[in-house]
Amino acid sequence: MKLFESLKKKKFLLFTIFFSLYIGINLIGGERGLFSYFNKKSIYQEQVRKEKILDNKLKNLEHKILLINKNDQDYLDMIYREKFRYGKKNEIVIKLK
């Protein structure tokens, strides 16, 4: 009985302790906690890196399409030789990729 009486007198202290523990645990862990923040930050940085790579690929493809639409003879000749493995008898073909 003395335990219950002492708990009744220290309600505010107990409430403050449990509330502080609750806030502390959710601040560090949990769905919106510190660990989750760093995890989401690394995922975001990875997505930004992938976006830059895809943007560069898109610009490269747009440039190639522009060259094809303009009928650029050098680029068309390069594609023709690469796809059909075309070359003349006296010609030496060196592939640099």
Foldseek 3Di string as FASTA:
>chain_A
DVVVVVCVVCVVVVVVVVVVVVVVVCQCDDCPHDVVVVVVVVVVVVVVVVVVVVVVVVVVVVVLVVCVVVVPVVSVVVVCCVPVVDDDPPDDDDDDD
